[in-house]
Amino acid sequence: MAVQIRPVLEAEFDDAGRVTALAYEVFGPEGASPNPDYLSRVADLRTRARHAVVLGAFEVGRVLGTVTVELSDRIPGGHTRPPLQEDQAHVRMLGVDPAARRRGIGRALMEGSIEEARTAGKRRMTLETTESMAAAQALYESMGFRRGQDQVYDDGFRLRTYELEL
C-alpha cells in the first residue's frame, strides 16, 4: 500500500508526536539522548499545529513520520529566530520512525512540505539541522537545498542552514 502524506488530524497528535520524538532520541550530544524538555517539545504537535502545518506520513493508519512547515508564523520556544519573510516557508522537526527509515518517507514528507509552501505562494524554503543529522543533510542536498552559513547561538549551539528556491 502506498504511503499517504497529509495533515495530521488532532486525534492523531499524540501518536504522531510520539513517533516524531522517537526519531529524535538518537540525536543527543555524543550519542546520549537529547534533553527530555526538547523531546517533549518535539512530541508536542498540538502547539506546533497552532502556528504551522504539521504533515504526517501514514501507511495503513500507522504514523511513519511527520514534518512541520512554518508558513506565516514561528513556533514558540527554543532559540529565538527572526520572523519569517513574506516569501519564506521554513521546515521544522522532520522525523521518521526508525523502523520505517530508508524507505523514502523523509523525502515524501519534504516533497509534501514543498507543495504546501508553493500552494501558500512561497518562493523559498529554509531549514536548519544539527551536524549529527548526516542522513537528513544528504536528503536535503539531494533535493537541491543549498547550504548556508551556520547559525551559532550565544550558548554555543550550532545549526546548519539550508535553502531551496521554489
Protein backbone atom coordinates (compact mmCIF):
# COMPACT_ATOMS: atom_id res chain seq x y z
CA MET A 1 0.00 0.00 0.00
CA ALA A 2 1.21 3.50 -0.81
CA VAL A 3 2.27 5.97 1.84
CA GLN A 4 -0.12 8.91 2.21
CA ILE A 5 1.20 12.38 3.05
CA ARG A 6 -1.44 14.62 4.63
CA PRO A 7 -2.01 16.99 7.54
CA VAL A 8 -2.04 15.24 10.90
CA LEU A 9 -5.51 15.28 12.44
CA GLU A 10 -6.00 16.40 16.03
CA ALA A 11 -6.97 12.87 17.10
CA GLU A 12 -3.58 11.68 15.74
CA PHE A 13 -1.42 14.29 17.52
CA ASP A 14 -0.37 12.08 20.45
CA ASP A 15 0.65 9.08 18.33
CA ALA A 16 2.32 11.23 15.67
CA GLY A 17 4.15 13.23 18.35
CA ARG A 18 5.41 10.02 19.97
CA VAL A 19 6.78 8.83 16.61
CA THR A 20 8.47 12.18 15.98
CA ALA A 21 10.12 12.18 19.41
CA LEU A 22 11.24 8.58 18.87
CA ALA A 23 13.01 9.73 15.69
CA TYR A 24 14.95 12.35 17.68
CA GLU A 25 16.02 10.16 20.60
CA VAL A 26 19.30 9.17 18.92
CA PHE A 27 20.44 12.76 18.24
CA GLY A 28 21.59 13.85 21.67
CA PRO A 29 25.11 15.06 22.49
CA GLU A 30 27.74 12.37 21.88
CA GLY A 31 25.15 9.64 21.41
CA ALA A 32 23.24 10.44 24.62
CA SER A 33 19.50 11.05 24.49
CA PRO A 34 18.53 14.68 23.92
CA ASN A 35 17.25 16.81 26.76
CA PRO A 36 13.83 15.48 27.89
CA ASP A 37 12.39 19.01 27.62
CA TYR A 38 13.41 19.10 23.96
CA LEU A 39 11.86 15.69 23.28
CA SER A 40 8.64 16.94 24.90
CA ARG A 41 8.63 19.93 22.52
CA VAL A 42 9.28 17.63 19.56
CA ALA A 43 6.31 15.48 20.60
CA ASP A 44 4.00 18.49 21.14
CA LEU A 45 2.16 18.57 17.82
CA ARG A 46 -0.78 20.47 19.36
CA THR A 47 1.33 23.58 19.94
CA ARG A 48 3.04 23.35 16.55
CA ALA A 49 -0.28 22.92 14.72
CA ARG A 50 -1.48 26.26 16.15
CA HIS A 51 1.36 28.02 14.35
CA ALA A 52 2.22 25.82 11.37
CA VAL A 53 1.16 22.94 9.13
CA VAL A 54 2.05 19.51 10.50
CA LEU A 55 2.17 16.83 7.82
CA GLY A 56 2.28 13.14 8.52
CA ALA A 57 3.24 10.07 6.52
CA PHE A 58 0.68 7.29 7.01
CA GLU A 59 0.56 3.68 5.89
CA VAL A 60 -2.50 1.57 6.73
CA GLY A 61 -3.34 4.03 9.52
CA ARG A 62 0.15 3.84 11.06
CA VAL A 63 2.16 7.05 11.51
CA LEU A 64 5.58 6.68 9.88
CA GLY A 65 6.81 10.24 10.39
CA THR A 66 5.98 13.93 10.50
CA VAL A 67 7.28 17.29 9.41
CA THR A 68 6.25 20.81 10.39
CA VAL A 69 6.10 23.70 7.91
CA GLU A 70 6.05 27.28 9.16
CA LEU A 71 4.26 29.36 6.53
CA SER A 72 3.43 32.63 8.28
CA ASP A 73 4.26 32.24 11.97
CA ARG A 74 7.14 30.88 14.03
CA ILE A 75 6.59 28.14 16.57
CA PRO A 76 7.32 29.48 20.05
CA GLY A 77 10.05 28.02 22.24
CA GLY A 78 13.67 27.13 21.78
CA HIS A 79 16.23 29.51 20.38
CA THR A 80 14.90 32.85 19.16
CA ARG A 81 14.60 33.11 15.39
CA PRO A 82 13.78 36.12 13.23
CA PRO A 83 10.24 36.36 11.85
CA LEU A 84 9.57 34.59 8.57
CA GLN A 85 9.98 36.73 5.50
CA GLU A 86 6.98 37.05 3.20
CA ASP A 87 8.42 34.72 0.53
CA GLN A 88 9.75 32.14 3.03
CA ALA A 89 8.49 28.81 4.32
CA HIS A 90 10.55 27.05 6.98
CA VAL A 91 10.74 23.33 7.73
CA ARG A 92 10.98 22.13 11.33
CA MET A 93 11.29 18.78 13.06
CA LEU A 94 11.29 16.27 10.22
CA GLY A 95 11.21 12.90 11.93
CA VAL A 96 10.75 9.35 10.64
CA ASP A 97 10.08 6.31 12.82
CA PRO A 98 13.41 4.42 12.99
CA ALA A 99 11.58 1.24 11.90
CA ALA A 100 10.43 3.00 8.70
CA ARG A 101 13.71 4.63 7.67
CA ARG A 102 15.39 4.08 4.28
CA ARG A 103 12.00 3.79 2.54
CA GLY A 104 11.77 7.34 1.16
CA ILE A 105 9.45 8.57 3.93
CA GLY A 106 11.60 11.62 4.73
CA ARG A 107 11.75 12.56 1.04
CA ALA A 108 7.98 12.16 0.69
CA LEU A 109 7.43 14.40 3.72
CA MET A 110 9.82 17.00 2.32
CA GLU A 111 8.05 16.88 -1.06
CA GLY A 112 4.75 17.43 0.77
CA SER A 113 6.33 20.39 2.58
CA ILE A 114 7.47 21.91 -0.70
CA GLU A 115 3.97 21.53 -2.12
CA GLU A 116 2.48 23.25 0.96
CA ALA A 117 4.93 26.13 0.53
CA ARG A 118 4.20 26.52 -3.18
CA THR A 119 0.45 26.42 -2.55
CA ALA A 120 0.91 29.20 0.02
CA GLY A 121 2.76 31.29 -2.61
CA LYS A 122 6.21 30.98 -1.04
CA ARG A 123 9.27 31.31 -3.25
CA ARG A 124 11.85 29.70 -0.99
CA MET A 125 12.09 27.11 1.73
CA THR A 126 14.60 27.19 4.56
CA LEU A 127 15.53 24.74 7.28
CA GLU A 128 18.12 24.11 9.95
CA THR A 129 19.70 20.89 11.12
CA THR A 130 22.40 19.77 13.50
CA GLU A 131 25.79 18.43 12.48
CA SER A 132 24.89 14.95 13.76
CA MET A 133 21.97 14.58 11.32
CA ALA A 134 24.08 13.46 8.36
CA ALA A 135 21.32 11.41 6.69
CA ALA A 136 18.99 14.43 6.77
CA GLN A 137 21.70 16.64 5.27
CA ALA A 138 22.24 14.14 2.46
CA LEU A 139 18.49 14.13 1.78
CA TYR A 140 18.25 17.93 1.68
CA GLU A 141 21.26 18.24 -0.60
CA SER A 142 19.91 15.54 -2.94
CA MET A 143 16.70 17.59 -3.22
CA GLY A 144 18.60 20.72 -4.27
CA PHE A 145 18.84 22.54 -0.94
CA ARG A 146 21.96 24.68 -0.73
CA ARG A 147 23.94 25.02 2.46
CA GLY A 148 24.07 28.46 4.01
CA GLN A 149 26.01 29.99 6.84
CA ASP A 150 25.84 28.16 10.17
CA GLN A 151 23.65 29.74 12.82
CA VAL A 152 25.53 29.89 16.13
CA TYR A 153 23.67 30.93 19.28
CA ASP A 154 25.06 32.62 22.39
CA ASP A 155 25.13 29.29 24.25
CA GLY A 156 27.35 27.78 21.52
CA PHE A 157 24.56 25.72 19.94
CA ARG A 158 25.18 25.45 16.18
CA LEU A 159 22.71 24.76 13.40
CA ARG A 160 23.49 24.18 9.73
CA THR A 161 21.19 26.18 7.47
CA TYR A 162 19.81 25.20 4.08
CA GLU A 163 17.66 26.93 1.48
CA LEU A 164 15.78 25.83 -1.63
CA GLU A 165 14.45 28.23 -4.26
CA LEU A 166 10.90 27.20 -5.16
